[in-house]
Amino acid sequence: MGKIVNEHGIPLAAKVMDGSTS
């Protein structure tokens, strides 16, 4: 899985792990 970052520059994987939506 490549490192995909959202507009905030936060890795989507980390976002999912954090349980943060938007």
PDB file of N, CA and C in Angstrom:
ATOM      1  N   MET A   1       0.856  -1.207   0.000  1.00  0.00           N
ATOM      2  CA  MET A   1       0.000   0.000   0.000  1.00  0.00           C
ATOM      3  C   MET A   1       0.887   1.251   0.000  1.00  0.00           C
ATOM      4  N   GLY A   2       0.676   2.128  -0.961  1.00  0.00           N
ATOM      5  CA  GLY A   2       1.484   3.347  -1.021  1.00  0.00           C
ATOM      6  C   GLY A   2       1.005   4.364   0.013  1.00  0.00           C
ATOM      7  N   LYS A   3       1.852   5.331   0.262  1.00  0.00           N
ATOM      8  CA  LYS A   3       1.487   6.352   1.258  1.00  0.00           C
ATOM      9  C   LYS A   3       0.634   7.422   0.588  1.00  0.00           C
ATOM     10  N   ILE A   4      -0.626   7.442   0.931  1.00  0.00           N
ATOM     11  CA  ILE A   4      -1.531   8.439   0.353  1.00  0.00           C
ATOM     12  C   ILE A   4      -1.852   9.488   1.419  1.00  0.00           C
ATOM     13  N   VAL A   5      -1.670  10.750   1.068  1.00  0.00           N
ATOM     14  CA  VAL A   5      -1.948  11.809   2.034  1.00  0.00           C
ATOM     15  C   VAL A   5      -3.110  12.664   1.554  1.00  0.00           C
ATOM     16  N   ASN A   6      -3.934  13.080   2.507  1.00  0.00           N
ATOM     17  CA  ASN A   6      -5.091  13.900   2.146  1.00  0.00           C
ATOM     18  C   ASN A   6      -4.687  15.369   2.067  1.00  0.00           C
ATOM     19  N   GLU A   7      -5.657  16.249   1.940  1.00  0.00           N
ATOM     20  CA  GLU A   7      -5.367  17.667   1.788  1.00  0.00           C
ATOM     21  C   GLU A   7      -4.668  18.229   3.017  1.00  0.00           C
ATOM     22  N   HIS A   8      -4.830  17.548   4.156  1.00  0.00           N
ATOM     23  CA  HIS A   8      -4.203  18.038   5.388  1.00  0.00           C
ATOM     24  C   HIS A   8      -2.768  17.538   5.506  1.00  0.00           C
ATOM     25  N   GLY A   9      -2.395  16.633   4.590  1.00  0.00           N
ATOM     26  CA  GLY A   9      -1.039  16.104   4.618  1.00  0.00           C
ATOM     27  C   GLY A   9      -0.905  14.983   5.625  1.00  0.00           C
ATOM     28  N   ILE A  10      -2.041  14.457   6.069  1.00  0.00           N
ATOM     29  CA  ILE A  10      -2.011  13.360   7.039  1.00  0.00           C
ATOM     30  C   ILE A  10      -2.287  12.049   6.308  1.00  0.00           C
ATOM     31  N   PRO A  11      -1.437  11.050   6.501  1.00  0.00           N
ATOM     32  CA  PRO A  11      -1.625   9.751   5.848  1.00  0.00           C
ATOM     33  C   PRO A  11      -3.015   9.200   6.126  1.00  0.00           C
ATOM     34  N   LEU A  12      -3.695   8.749   5.055  1.00  0.00           N
ATOM     35  CA  LEU A  12      -5.043   8.214   5.224  1.00  0.00           C
ATOM     36  C   LEU A  12      -5.033   7.022   6.164  1.00  0.00           C
ATOM     37  N   ALA A  13      -3.976   6.224   6.105  1.00  0.00           N
ATOM     38  CA  ALA A  13      -3.865   5.057   6.976  1.00  0.00           C
ATOM     39  C   ALA A  13      -3.894   5.503   8.434  1.00  0.00           C
ATOM     40  N   ALA A  14      -3.178   6.579   8.738  1.00  0.00           N
ATOM     41  CA  ALA A  14      -3.136   7.091  10.105  1.00  0.00           C
ATOM     42  C   ALA A  14      -4.512   7.620  10.484  1.00  0.00           C
ATOM     43  N   LYS A  15      -5.202   8.228   9.506  1.00  0.00           N
ATOM     44  CA  LYS A  15      -6.534   8.769   9.764  1.00  0.00           C
ATOM     45  C   LYS A  15      -7.483   7.650  10.140  1.00  0.00           C
ATOM     46  N   VAL A  16      -7.419   6.558   9.399  1.00  0.00           N
ATOM     47  CA  VAL A  16      -8.300   5.426   9.665  1.00  0.00           C
ATOM     48  C   VAL A  16      -7.975   4.825  11.027  1.00  0.00           C
ATOM     49  N   MET A  17      -6.677   4.716  11.324  1.00  0.00           N
ATOM     50  CA  MET A  17      -6.257   4.149  12.605  1.00  0.00           C
ATOM     51  C   MET A  17      -6.725   5.042  13.746  1.00  0.00           C
ATOM     52  N   ASP A  18      -6.693   6.341  13.527  1.00  0.00           N
ATOM     53  CA  ASP A  18      -7.093   7.301  14.549  1.00  0.00           C
ATOM     54  C   ASP A  18      -8.612   7.318  14.686  1.00  0.00           C
ATOM     55  N   GLY A  19      -9.310   6.827  13.661  1.00  0.00           N
ATOM     56  CA  GLY A  19     -10.768   6.809  13.704  1.00  0.00           C
ATOM     57  C   GLY A  19     -11.333   8.185  13.403  1.00  0.00           C
ATOM     58  N   SER A  20     -10.534   9.026  12.764  1.00  0.00           N
ATOM     59  CA  SER A  20     -10.979  10.389  12.456  1.00  0.00           C
ATOM     60  C   SER A  20     -11.666  10.425  11.093  1.00  0.00           C
ATOM     61  N   THR A  21     -12.849  11.016  11.061  1.00  0.00           N
ATOM     62  CA  THR A  21     -13.537  11.147   9.770  1.00  0.00           C
ATOM     63  C   THR A  21     -13.678  12.624   9.462  1.00  0.00           C
ATOM     64  N   SER A  22     -13.018  13.065   8.355  1.00  0.00           N
ATOM     65  CA  SER A  22     -13.029  14.475   7.997  1.00  0.00           C
ATOM     66  C   SER A  22     -12.252  15.231   9.070  1.00  0.00           C
TER      67      SER A  22
END
